[in-house]
Amino acid sequence: MSSESLEIAKATYQSAKVAFEKGQYRKAVEQLEKARTLVAPNSRLGGELQMWLVTAYQAAGRTEEAIALCEQLKRHPHSETSKQAKELHYILKAPRLERPREWMTEIPDLSAMADNQTKLPLSVKNTKSSKKQMPPEREFLDLTQVNTRDNRFIWMALIVIGLTLGGLFWLSL
């Protein structure tokens, strides 16, 4: 492997990570697959790159490919890669839990938007009732009903603190 192809692989790998972090999973998969062909698969960089590819496959909805690659990586010569692959394989094979629909928040697909668009249309669904809800009535407190007489607690606390500090000072002599 030449140093030129290694540099191209590293640059492609970095741009794939950026695409992944922006939620552009298909683009990340394409770039990671391209970078994977340029590095030795059994190297540390090759293992790291392939672990990112497993995650990108999963995010792009290609779970079977993610599991298959994860199974290969469990036998990777780099110990950290094989350890991560085993842990990730366990997670990918775990049964899916059913969640009630009202627990879910729908996230819009932003992959079709250009980078320079700043305003997003926002629609909010009210999952409770469609009736217009009135704000709760405020309950006012009648201050004539409140006991505002000093109960001398603060003075008692200050005396106890003073005696404690004085006793500690006397014992330190």
N, C-alpha and C. Protein backbone atom coordinates (compact mmCIF):
# COMPACT_ATOMS: atom_id res chain seq x y z
N MET A 1 0.85 -1.16 0.00
CA MET A 1 0.00 0.00 0.00
C MET A 1 0.89 1.23 0.00
N SER A 2 0.61 2.14 -0.90
CA SER A 2 1.42 3.35 -1.00
C SER A 2 0.94 4.39 0.00
N SER A 3 1.86 5.33 0.27
CA SER A 3 1.51 6.39 1.22
C SER A 3 0.43 7.31 0.63
N GLU A 4 0.39 7.40 -0.69
CA GLU A 4 -0.63 8.23 -1.34
C GLU A 4 -2.02 7.63 -1.14
N SER A 5 -2.14 6.31 -1.32
CA SER A 5 -3.45 5.68 -1.13
C SER A 5 -3.85 5.71 0.35
N LEU A 6 -2.86 5.66 1.25
CA LEU A 6 -3.15 5.76 2.67
C LEU A 6 -3.69 7.14 3.02
N GLU A 7 -3.11 8.18 2.44
CA GLU A 7 -3.59 9.54 2.68
C GLU A 7 -5.01 9.74 2.12
N ILE A 8 -5.26 9.17 0.94
CA ILE A 8 -6.60 9.25 0.35
C ILE A 8 -7.60 8.52 1.25
N ALA A 9 -7.19 7.36 1.76
CA ALA A 9 -8.07 6.58 2.64
C ALA A 9 -8.38 7.35 3.92
N LYS A 10 -7.37 7.99 4.50
CA LYS A 10 -7.59 8.76 5.73
C LYS A 10 -8.52 9.95 5.49
N ALA A 11 -8.33 10.63 4.36
CA ALA A 11 -9.19 11.77 4.03
C ALA A 11 -10.62 11.31 3.79
N THR A 12 -10.77 10.21 3.08
CA THR A 12 -12.11 9.67 2.82
C THR A 12 -12.76 9.22 4.12
N TYR A 13 -11.98 8.62 4.99
CA TYR A 13 -12.46 8.16 6.29
C TYR A 13 -12.95 9.34 7.13
N GLN A 14 -12.19 10.43 7.14
CA GLN A 14 -12.60 11.62 7.90
C GLN A 14 -13.87 12.23 7.34
N SER A 15 -13.98 12.31 6.01
CA SER A 15 -15.20 12.88 5.42
C SER A 15 -16.39 11.95 5.67
N ALA A 16 -16.15 10.65 5.74
CA ALA A 16 -17.23 9.71 6.05
C ALA A 16 -17.72 9.91 7.49
N LYS A 17 -16.80 10.16 8.42
CA LYS A 17 -17.18 10.41 9.81
C LYS A 17 -18.01 11.69 9.92
N VAL A 18 -17.61 12.71 9.16
CA VAL A 18 -18.37 13.97 9.16
C VAL A 18 -19.77 13.74 8.60
N ALA A 19 -19.86 12.98 7.51
CA ALA A 19 -21.17 12.68 6.91
C ALA A 19 -22.03 11.90 7.89
N PHE A 20 -21.43 10.95 8.59
CA PHE A 20 -22.17 10.16 9.57
C PHE A 20 -22.72 11.05 10.69
N GLU A 21 -21.88 11.94 11.18
CA GLU A 21 -22.29 12.82 12.28
C GLU A 21 -23.36 13.81 11.85
N LYS A 22 -23.45 14.09 10.55
CA LYS A 22 -24.51 14.96 10.03
C LYS A 22 -25.78 14.17 9.73
N GLY A 23 -25.74 12.86 9.92
CA GLY A 23 -26.92 12.04 9.65
C GLY A 23 -27.03 11.57 8.21
N GLN A 24 -25.98 11.75 7.43
CA GLN A 24 -25.98 11.32 6.03
C GLN A 24 -25.38 9.91 5.95
N TYR A 25 -26.17 8.92 6.38
CA TYR A 25 -25.66 7.57 6.57
C TYR A 25 -25.31 6.87 5.26
N ARG A 26 -26.11 7.07 4.22
CA ARG A 26 -25.80 6.42 2.94
C ARG A 26 -24.47 6.94 2.38
N LYS A 27 -24.27 8.23 2.47
CA LYS A 27 -23.01 8.83 2.01
C LYS A 27 -21.85 8.31 2.84
N ALA A 28 -22.05 8.19 4.15
CA ALA A 28 -21.00 7.67 5.03
C ALA A 28 -20.65 6.24 4.66
N VAL A 29 -21.66 5.43 4.37
CA VAL A 29 -21.42 4.03 3.97
C VAL A 29 -20.60 3.98 2.69
N GLU A 30 -20.97 4.78 1.71
CA GLU A 30 -20.24 4.79 0.43
C GLU A 30 -18.77 5.17 0.64
N GLN A 31 -18.54 6.21 1.42
CA GLN A 31 -17.17 6.66 1.63
C GLN A 31 -16.37 5.66 2.47
N LEU A 32 -17.00 5.07 3.46
CA LEU A 32 -16.30 4.07 4.29
C LEU A 32 -15.96 2.83 3.47
N GLU A 33 -16.86 2.42 2.59
CA GLU A 33 -16.57 1.27 1.72
C GLU A 33 -15.42 1.59 0.77
N LYS A 34 -15.40 2.82 0.27
CA LYS A 34 -14.30 3.24 -0.62
C LYS A 34 -12.98 3.25 0.15
N ALA A 35 -12.99 3.83 1.36
CA ALA A 35 -11.76 3.90 2.16
C ALA A 35 -11.29 2.51 2.56
N ARG A 36 -12.23 1.59 2.78
CA ARG A 36 -11.88 0.23 3.19
C ARG A 36 -11.07 -0.49 2.13
N THR A 37 -11.32 -0.17 0.86
CA THR A 37 -10.57 -0.83 -0.21
C THR A 37 -9.13 -0.31 -0.29
N LEU A 38 -8.87 0.85 0.32
CA LEU A 38 -7.54 1.47 0.21
C LEU A 38 -6.60 1.14 1.38
N VAL A 39 -7.11 0.49 2.42
CA VAL A 39 -6.26 0.16 3.57
C VAL A 39 -6.23 -1.35 3.77
N ALA A 40 -5.21 -1.80 4.48
CA ALA A 40 -5.11 -3.22 4.82
C ALA A 40 -6.19 -3.54 5.85
N PRO A 41 -7.03 -4.54 5.58
CA PRO A 41 -8.15 -4.82 6.49
C PRO A 41 -7.72 -5.28 7.88
N ASN A 42 -6.54 -5.86 8.01
CA ASN A 42 -6.08 -6.37 9.31
C ASN A 42 -5.26 -5.35 10.10
N SER A 43 -5.12 -4.14 9.57
CA SER A 43 -4.38 -3.12 10.30
C SER A 43 -5.28 -2.47 11.35
N ARG A 44 -4.67 -1.70 12.24
CA ARG A 44 -5.45 -1.01 13.27
C ARG A 44 -6.42 -0.03 12.62
N LEU A 45 -5.92 0.74 11.62
CA LEU A 45 -6.77 1.69 10.91
C LEU A 45 -7.88 0.97 10.15
N GLY A 46 -7.55 -0.15 9.55
CA GLY A 46 -8.56 -0.93 8.83
C GLY A 46 -9.66 -1.42 9.76
N GLY A 47 -9.28 -1.86 10.96
CA GLY A 47 -10.27 -2.31 11.93
C GLY A 47 -11.15 -1.17 12.41
N GLU A 48 -10.53 -0.02 12.69
CA GLU A 48 -11.29 1.16 13.16
C GLU A 48 -12.27 1.61 12.08
N LEU A 49 -11.80 1.65 10.86
CA LEU A 49 -12.62 2.05 9.72
C LEU A 49 -13.82 1.10 9.55
N GLN A 50 -13.56 -0.19 9.68
CA GLN A 50 -14.62 -1.18 9.52
C GLN A 50 -15.63 -1.12 10.68
N MET A 51 -15.18 -0.75 11.87
CA MET A 51 -16.12 -0.59 12.99
C MET A 51 -17.07 0.58 12.70
N TRP A 52 -16.53 1.64 12.13
CA TRP A 52 -17.39 2.76 11.73
C TRP A 52 -18.36 2.31 10.64
N LEU A 53 -17.89 1.44 9.76
CA LEU A 53 -18.75 0.94 8.69
C LEU A 53 -19.89 0.11 9.27
N VAL A 54 -19.63 -0.68 10.29
CA VAL A 54 -20.68 -1.45 10.95
C VAL A 54 -21.75 -0.51 11.49
N THR A 55 -21.30 0.55 12.16
CA THR A 55 -22.23 1.52 12.73
C THR A 55 -23.01 2.25 11.63
N ALA A 56 -22.35 2.57 10.54
CA ALA A 56 -23.02 3.24 9.43
C ALA A 56 -24.03 2.32 8.76
N TYR A 57 -23.68 1.03 8.60
CA TYR A 57 -24.63 0.07 8.07
C TYR A 57 -25.89 0.03 8.93
N GLN A 58 -25.69 -0.06 10.23
CA GLN A 58 -26.82 -0.11 11.16
C GLN A 58 -27.68 1.14 11.04
N ALA A 59 -27.04 2.30 11.00
CA ALA A 59 -27.78 3.56 10.91
C ALA A 59 -28.52 3.70 9.59
N ALA A 60 -27.96 3.12 8.53
CA ALA A 60 -28.59 3.19 7.21
C ALA A 60 -29.66 2.11 7.03
N GLY A 61 -29.89 1.30 8.05
CA GLY A 61 -30.92 0.27 7.97
C GLY A 61 -30.45 -1.03 7.34
N ARG A 62 -29.16 -1.19 7.20
CA ARG A 62 -28.59 -2.40 6.60
C ARG A 62 -28.04 -3.30 7.72
N THR A 63 -28.95 -3.74 8.58
CA THR A 63 -28.58 -4.46 9.79
C THR A 63 -27.89 -5.79 9.50
N GLU A 64 -28.36 -6.52 8.51
CA GLU A 64 -27.75 -7.83 8.21
C GLU A 64 -26.29 -7.68 7.79
N GLU A 65 -26.00 -6.66 6.98
CA GLU A 65 -24.62 -6.42 6.58
C GLU A 65 -23.78 -5.99 7.78
N ALA A 66 -24.37 -5.23 8.69
CA ALA A 66 -23.66 -4.80 9.89
C ALA A 66 -23.31 -6.01 10.75
N ILE A 67 -24.25 -6.92 10.92
CA ILE A 67 -24.00 -8.12 11.73
C ILE A 67 -22.94 -8.99 11.07
N ALA A 68 -23.02 -9.16 9.76
CA ALA A 68 -22.03 -10.01 9.05
C ALA A 68 -20.62 -9.43 9.18
N LEU A 69 -20.48 -8.12 9.01
CA LEU A 69 -19.16 -7.50 9.14
C LEU A 69 -18.68 -7.58 10.58
N CYS A 70 -19.59 -7.45 11.51
CA CYS A 70 -19.24 -7.53 12.93
C CYS A 70 -18.71 -8.93 13.27
N GLU A 71 -19.33 -9.94 12.70
CA GLU A 71 -18.87 -11.31 12.94
C GLU A 71 -17.45 -11.52 12.40
N GLN A 72 -17.15 -10.89 11.26
CA GLN A 72 -15.78 -10.97 10.71
C GLN A 72 -14.80 -10.26 11.63
N LEU A 73 -15.21 -9.10 12.13
CA LEU A 73 -14.31 -8.28 12.95
C LEU A 73 -14.05 -8.89 14.33
N LYS A 74 -14.88 -9.82 14.75
CA LYS A 74 -14.63 -10.47 16.04
C LYS A 74 -13.32 -11.27 16.00
N ARG A 75 -12.85 -11.61 14.80
CA ARG A 75 -11.60 -12.35 14.64
C ARG A 75 -10.46 -11.45 14.14
N HIS A 76 -10.62 -10.16 14.29
CA HIS A 76 -9.62 -9.19 13.83
C HIS A 76 -8.35 -9.31 14.68
N PRO A 77 -7.16 -9.20 14.08
CA PRO A 77 -5.91 -9.35 14.85
C PRO A 77 -5.69 -8.23 15.89
N HIS A 78 -6.23 -7.06 15.68
CA HIS A 78 -6.07 -5.97 16.65
C HIS A 78 -7.05 -6.22 17.79
N SER A 79 -6.56 -6.35 19.01
CA SER A 79 -7.39 -6.77 20.14
C SER A 79 -8.52 -5.80 20.45
N GLU A 80 -8.26 -4.50 20.35
CA GLU A 80 -9.30 -3.52 20.65
C GLU A 80 -10.45 -3.61 19.65
N THR A 81 -10.11 -3.84 18.38
CA THR A 81 -11.15 -3.97 17.35
C THR A 81 -11.99 -5.21 17.59
N SER A 82 -11.35 -6.33 17.91
CA SER A 82 -12.11 -7.56 18.13
C SER A 82 -12.99 -7.44 19.38
N LYS A 83 -12.50 -6.76 20.41
CA LYS A 83 -13.29 -6.56 21.63
C LYS A 83 -14.52 -5.70 21.32
N GLN A 84 -14.33 -4.59 20.60
CA GLN A 84 -15.45 -3.72 20.23
C GLN A 84 -16.45 -4.46 19.35
N ALA A 85 -15.93 -5.28 18.43
CA ALA A 85 -16.81 -6.03 17.53
C ALA A 85 -17.67 -7.02 18.31
N LYS A 86 -17.10 -7.67 19.30
CA LYS A 86 -17.87 -8.61 20.12
C LYS A 86 -18.98 -7.89 20.88
N GLU A 87 -18.64 -6.74 21.45
CA GLU A 87 -19.64 -5.97 22.20
C GLU A 87 -20.74 -5.45 21.28
N LEU A 88 -20.36 -4.96 20.12
CA LEU A 88 -21.34 -4.42 19.18
C LEU A 88 -22.20 -5.54 18.58
N HIS A 89 -21.60 -6.69 18.35
CA HIS A 89 -22.35 -7.83 17.83
C HIS A 89 -23.43 -8.25 18.82
N TYR A 90 -23.08 -8.26 20.09
CA TYR A 90 -24.04 -8.60 21.14
C TYR A 90 -25.22 -7.62 21.11
N ILE A 91 -24.92 -6.34 20.94
CA ILE A 91 -25.97 -5.32 20.90
C ILE A 91 -26.85 -5.49 19.65
N LEU A 92 -26.21 -5.74 18.51
CA LEU A 92 -26.96 -5.87 17.26
C LEU A 92 -27.88 -7.10 17.25
N LYS A 93 -27.48 -8.14 17.93
CA LYS A 93 -28.26 -9.38 17.97
C LYS A 93 -29.33 -9.37 19.07
N ALA A 94 -29.32 -8.35 19.93
CA ALA A 94 -30.29 -8.28 21.03
C ALA A 94 -31.70 -8.12 20.46
N PRO A 95 -32.68 -8.70 21.15
CA PRO A 95 -34.06 -8.55 20.66
C PRO A 95 -34.53 -7.11 20.77
N ARG A 96 -35.35 -6.72 19.83
CA ARG A 96 -35.89 -5.37 19.81
C ARG A 96 -37.08 -5.28 20.76
N LEU A 97 -37.13 -4.23 21.54
CA LEU A 97 -38.24 -4.01 22.45
C LEU A 97 -39.31 -3.17 21.77
N GLU A 98 -40.54 -3.51 22.02
CA GLU A 98 -41.65 -2.75 21.47
C GLU A 98 -41.88 -1.53 22.36
N ARG A 99 -42.02 -0.37 21.72
CA ARG A 99 -42.29 0.86 22.45
C ARG A 99 -43.64 1.40 22.00
N PRO A 100 -44.43 1.89 22.94
CA PRO A 100 -45.69 2.50 22.53
C PRO A 100 -45.44 3.70 21.62
N ARG A 101 -46.33 3.91 20.69
CA ARG A 101 -46.19 4.98 19.70
C ARG A 101 -46.11 6.36 20.37
N GLU A 102 -46.83 6.55 21.47
CA GLU A 102 -46.82 7.87 22.12
C GLU A 102 -45.49 8.17 22.81
N TRP A 103 -44.63 7.19 22.99
CA TRP A 103 -43.31 7.42 23.57
C TRP A 103 -42.33 7.95 22.52
N MET A 104 -42.68 7.81 21.28
CA MET A 104 -41.76 8.11 20.20
C MET A 104 -41.90 9.56 19.74
N THR A 105 -40.80 10.13 19.34
CA THR A 105 -40.77 11.45 18.74
C THR A 105 -40.30 11.29 17.31
N GLU A 106 -41.06 11.83 16.39
CA GLU A 106 -40.70 11.69 14.99
C GLU A 106 -39.69 12.76 14.62
N ILE A 107 -38.57 12.33 14.06
CA ILE A 107 -37.51 13.24 13.66
C ILE A 107 -37.56 13.36 12.14
N PRO A 108 -37.65 14.57 11.63
CA PRO A 108 -37.75 14.73 10.18
C PRO A 108 -36.43 14.35 9.49
N ASP A 109 -36.55 13.86 8.27
CA ASP A 109 -35.38 13.50 7.47
C ASP A 109 -34.79 14.77 6.88
N LEU A 110 -33.59 15.11 7.30
CA LEU A 110 -32.95 16.35 6.86
C LEU A 110 -31.92 16.11 5.75
N SER A 111 -31.83 14.89 5.26
CA SER A 111 -30.80 14.58 4.26
C SER A 111 -31.04 15.30 2.94
N ALA A 112 -32.28 15.66 2.62
CA ALA A 112 -32.57 16.32 1.35
C ALA A 112 -32.32 17.82 1.40
N MET A 113 -32.07 18.35 2.59
CA MET A 113 -31.87 19.79 2.73
C MET A 113 -30.45 20.19 2.36
N ALA A 114 -30.31 21.35 1.80
CA ALA A 114 -28.98 21.89 1.51
C ALA A 114 -28.37 22.40 2.81
N ASP A 115 -27.06 22.49 2.86
CA ASP A 115 -26.37 22.96 4.05
C ASP A 115 -26.67 24.41 4.38
N ASN A 116 -27.02 25.20 3.36
CA ASN A 116 -27.22 26.63 3.60
C ASN A 116 -28.64 26.98 4.03
N GLN A 117 -29.53 26.01 4.09
CA GLN A 117 -30.89 26.29 4.55
C GLN A 117 -30.90 26.36 6.07
N THR A 118 -31.45 27.43 6.59
CA THR A 118 -31.43 27.60 8.04
C THR A 118 -32.79 27.51 8.68
N LYS A 119 -33.85 27.79 7.93
CA LYS A 119 -35.18 27.76 8.51
C LYS A 119 -35.85 26.43 8.17
N LEU A 120 -36.40 25.80 9.19
CA LEU A 120 -37.06 24.52 9.03
C LEU A 120 -38.54 24.66 9.32
N PRO A 121 -39.39 24.06 8.50
CA PRO A 121 -40.81 24.06 8.86
C PRO A 121 -41.00 23.11 10.04
N LEU A 122 -41.78 23.52 10.99
CA LEU A 122 -41.96 22.73 12.20
C LEU A 122 -43.44 22.49 12.40
N SER A 123 -43.80 21.23 12.51
CA SER A 123 -45.18 20.89 12.82
C SER A 123 -45.19 20.07 14.09
N VAL A 124 -46.08 20.44 14.98
CA VAL A 124 -46.16 19.78 16.27
C VAL A 124 -47.52 19.14 16.38
N LYS A 125 -47.53 17.85 16.74
CA LYS A 125 -48.78 17.15 16.93
C LYS A 125 -49.07 17.11 18.43
N ASN A 126 -50.30 17.42 18.77
CA ASN A 126 -50.72 17.33 20.16
C ASN A 126 -51.26 15.93 20.38
N THR A 127 -50.56 15.13 21.15
CA THR A 127 -50.95 13.74 21.34
C THR A 127 -52.03 13.58 22.40
N LYS A 128 -52.28 14.60 23.19
CA LYS A 128 -53.29 14.48 24.25
C LYS A 128 -54.67 14.72 23.65
N SER A 129 -55.25 15.83 23.87
CA SER A 129 -56.58 16.08 23.33
C SER A 129 -56.53 17.29 22.40
N SER A 130 -57.46 17.32 21.49
CA SER A 130 -57.49 18.42 20.55
C SER A 130 -58.23 19.62 21.12
N LYS A 131 -58.82 19.49 22.30
CA LYS A 131 -59.51 20.61 22.93
C LYS A 131 -58.50 21.65 23.37
N LYS A 132 -58.93 22.88 23.28
CA LYS A 132 -58.07 23.96 23.73
C LYS A 132 -58.03 23.92 25.25
N GLN A 133 -56.83 23.79 25.79
CA GLN A 133 -56.70 23.68 27.24
C GLN A 133 -56.51 25.05 27.85
N MET A 134 -57.22 25.28 28.92
CA MET A 134 -57.13 26.53 29.64
C MET A 134 -55.99 26.43 30.65
N PRO A 135 -55.27 27.52 30.87
CA PRO A 135 -54.22 27.47 31.89
C PRO A 135 -54.86 27.28 33.26
N PRO A 136 -54.17 26.59 34.16
CA PRO A 136 -54.75 26.36 35.49
C PRO A 136 -54.94 27.69 36.22
N GLU A 137 -56.00 27.74 37.02
CA GLU A 137 -56.26 28.95 37.79
C GLU A 137 -55.19 29.11 38.85
N ARG A 138 -54.81 30.36 39.06
CA ARG A 138 -53.81 30.63 40.08
C ARG A 138 -54.49 30.70 41.44
N GLU A 139 -53.83 30.09 42.38
CA GLU A 139 -54.35 30.12 43.74
C GLU A 139 -53.53 31.14 44.52
N PHE A 140 -54.21 32.15 45.04
CA PHE A 140 -53.52 33.19 45.78
C PHE A 140 -53.51 32.86 47.26
N LEU A 141 -52.44 33.21 47.90
CA LEU A 141 -52.26 32.93 49.31
C LEU A 141 -52.58 34.19 50.12
N ASP A 142 -53.43 34.02 51.11
CA ASP A 142 -53.80 35.13 51.98
C ASP A 142 -52.74 35.24 53.07
N LEU A 143 -51.94 36.32 53.03
CA LEU A 143 -50.83 36.47 53.98
C LEU A 143 -51.30 36.72 55.41
N THR A 144 -52.55 37.09 55.59
CA THR A 144 -53.04 37.27 56.97
C THR A 144 -53.24 35.93 57.65
N GLN A 145 -53.31 34.87 56.86
CA GLN A 145 -53.50 33.53 57.41
C GLN A 145 -52.17 32.84 57.75
N VAL A 146 -51.07 33.42 57.31
CA VAL A 146 -49.75 32.82 57.49
C VAL A 146 -49.17 33.26 58.83
N ASN A 147 -48.61 32.34 59.59
CA ASN A 147 -47.98 32.65 60.87
C ASN A 147 -46.60 33.23 60.58
N THR A 148 -46.47 34.52 60.78
CA THR A 148 -45.18 35.18 60.51
C THR A 148 -44.43 35.53 61.79
N ARG A 149 -44.91 35.06 62.95
CA ARG A 149 -44.25 35.32 64.22
C ARG A 149 -42.90 34.60 64.25
N ASP A 150 -41.88 35.26 64.77
CA ASP A 150 -40.54 34.68 64.86
C ASP A 150 -40.57 33.53 65.85
N ASN A 151 -40.11 32.37 65.45
CA ASN A 151 -40.10 31.23 66.36
C ASN A 151 -38.74 31.03 67.04
N ARG A 152 -37.85 31.97 66.87
CA ARG A 152 -36.55 32.02 67.52
C ARG A 152 -35.65 30.82 67.18
N PHE A 153 -35.97 30.14 66.09
CA PHE A 153 -35.13 29.01 65.68
C PHE A 153 -33.73 29.48 65.28
N ILE A 154 -33.67 30.57 64.56
CA ILE A 154 -32.38 31.06 64.08
C ILE A 154 -31.46 31.40 65.23
N TRP A 155 -32.02 31.99 66.30
CA TRP A 155 -31.19 32.34 67.46
C TRP A 155 -30.68 31.07 68.15
N MET A 156 -31.52 30.07 68.25
CA MET A 156 -31.11 28.82 68.87
C MET A 156 -29.98 28.17 68.05
N ALA A 157 -30.13 28.18 66.74
CA ALA A 157 -29.11 27.59 65.87
C ALA A 157 -27.79 28.34 66.00
N LEU A 158 -27.83 29.67 66.05
CA LEU A 158 -26.60 30.46 66.18
C LEU A 158 -25.92 30.18 67.53
N ILE A 159 -26.69 30.03 68.60
CA ILE A 159 -26.11 29.73 69.92
C ILE A 159 -25.45 28.37 69.91
N VAL A 160 -26.09 27.37 69.31
CA VAL A 160 -25.51 26.02 69.25
C VAL A 160 -24.23 26.04 68.43
N ILE A 161 -24.22 26.73 67.31
CA ILE A 161 -23.01 26.82 66.49
C ILE A 161 -21.90 27.52 67.25
N GLY A 162 -22.23 28.62 67.95
CA GLY A 162 -21.23 29.33 68.73
C GLY A 162 -20.65 28.47 69.84
N LEU A 163 -21.50 27.74 70.57
CA LEU A 163 -21.01 26.85 71.63
C LEU A 163 -20.13 25.75 71.06
N THR A 164 -20.51 25.20 69.91
CA THR A 164 -19.72 24.14 69.28
C THR A 164 -18.35 24.67 68.87
N LEU A 165 -18.30 25.83 68.23
CA LEU A 165 -17.03 26.41 67.83
C LEU A 165 -16.17 26.78 69.03
N GLY A 166 -16.82 27.33 70.08
CA GLY A 166 -16.07 27.67 71.29
C GLY A 166 -15.51 26.44 71.96
N GLY A 167 -16.27 25.36 71.99
CA GLY A 167 -15.77 24.11 72.59
C GLY A 167 -14.61 23.54 71.78
N LEU A 168 -14.70 23.61 70.47
CA LEU A 168 -13.59 23.11 69.64
C LEU A 168 -12.35 23.97 69.82
N PHE A 169 -12.52 25.28 69.94
CA PHE A 169 -11.39 26.16 70.16
C PHE A 169 -10.74 25.87 71.52
N TRP A 170 -11.56 25.68 72.56
CA TRP A 170 -11.05 25.40 73.89
C TRP A 170 -10.30 24.07 73.93
N LEU A 171 -10.81 23.05 73.19
CA LEU A 171 -10.14 21.74 73.17
C LEU A 171 -8.84 21.78 72.38
N SER A 172 -8.71 22.70 71.43
CA SER A 172 -7.48 22.76 70.63
C SER A 172 -6.33 23.41 71.39
N LEU A 173 -6.62 24.10 72.52
CA LEU A 173 -5.56 24.72 73.31
C LEU A 173 -4.90 23.74 74.15
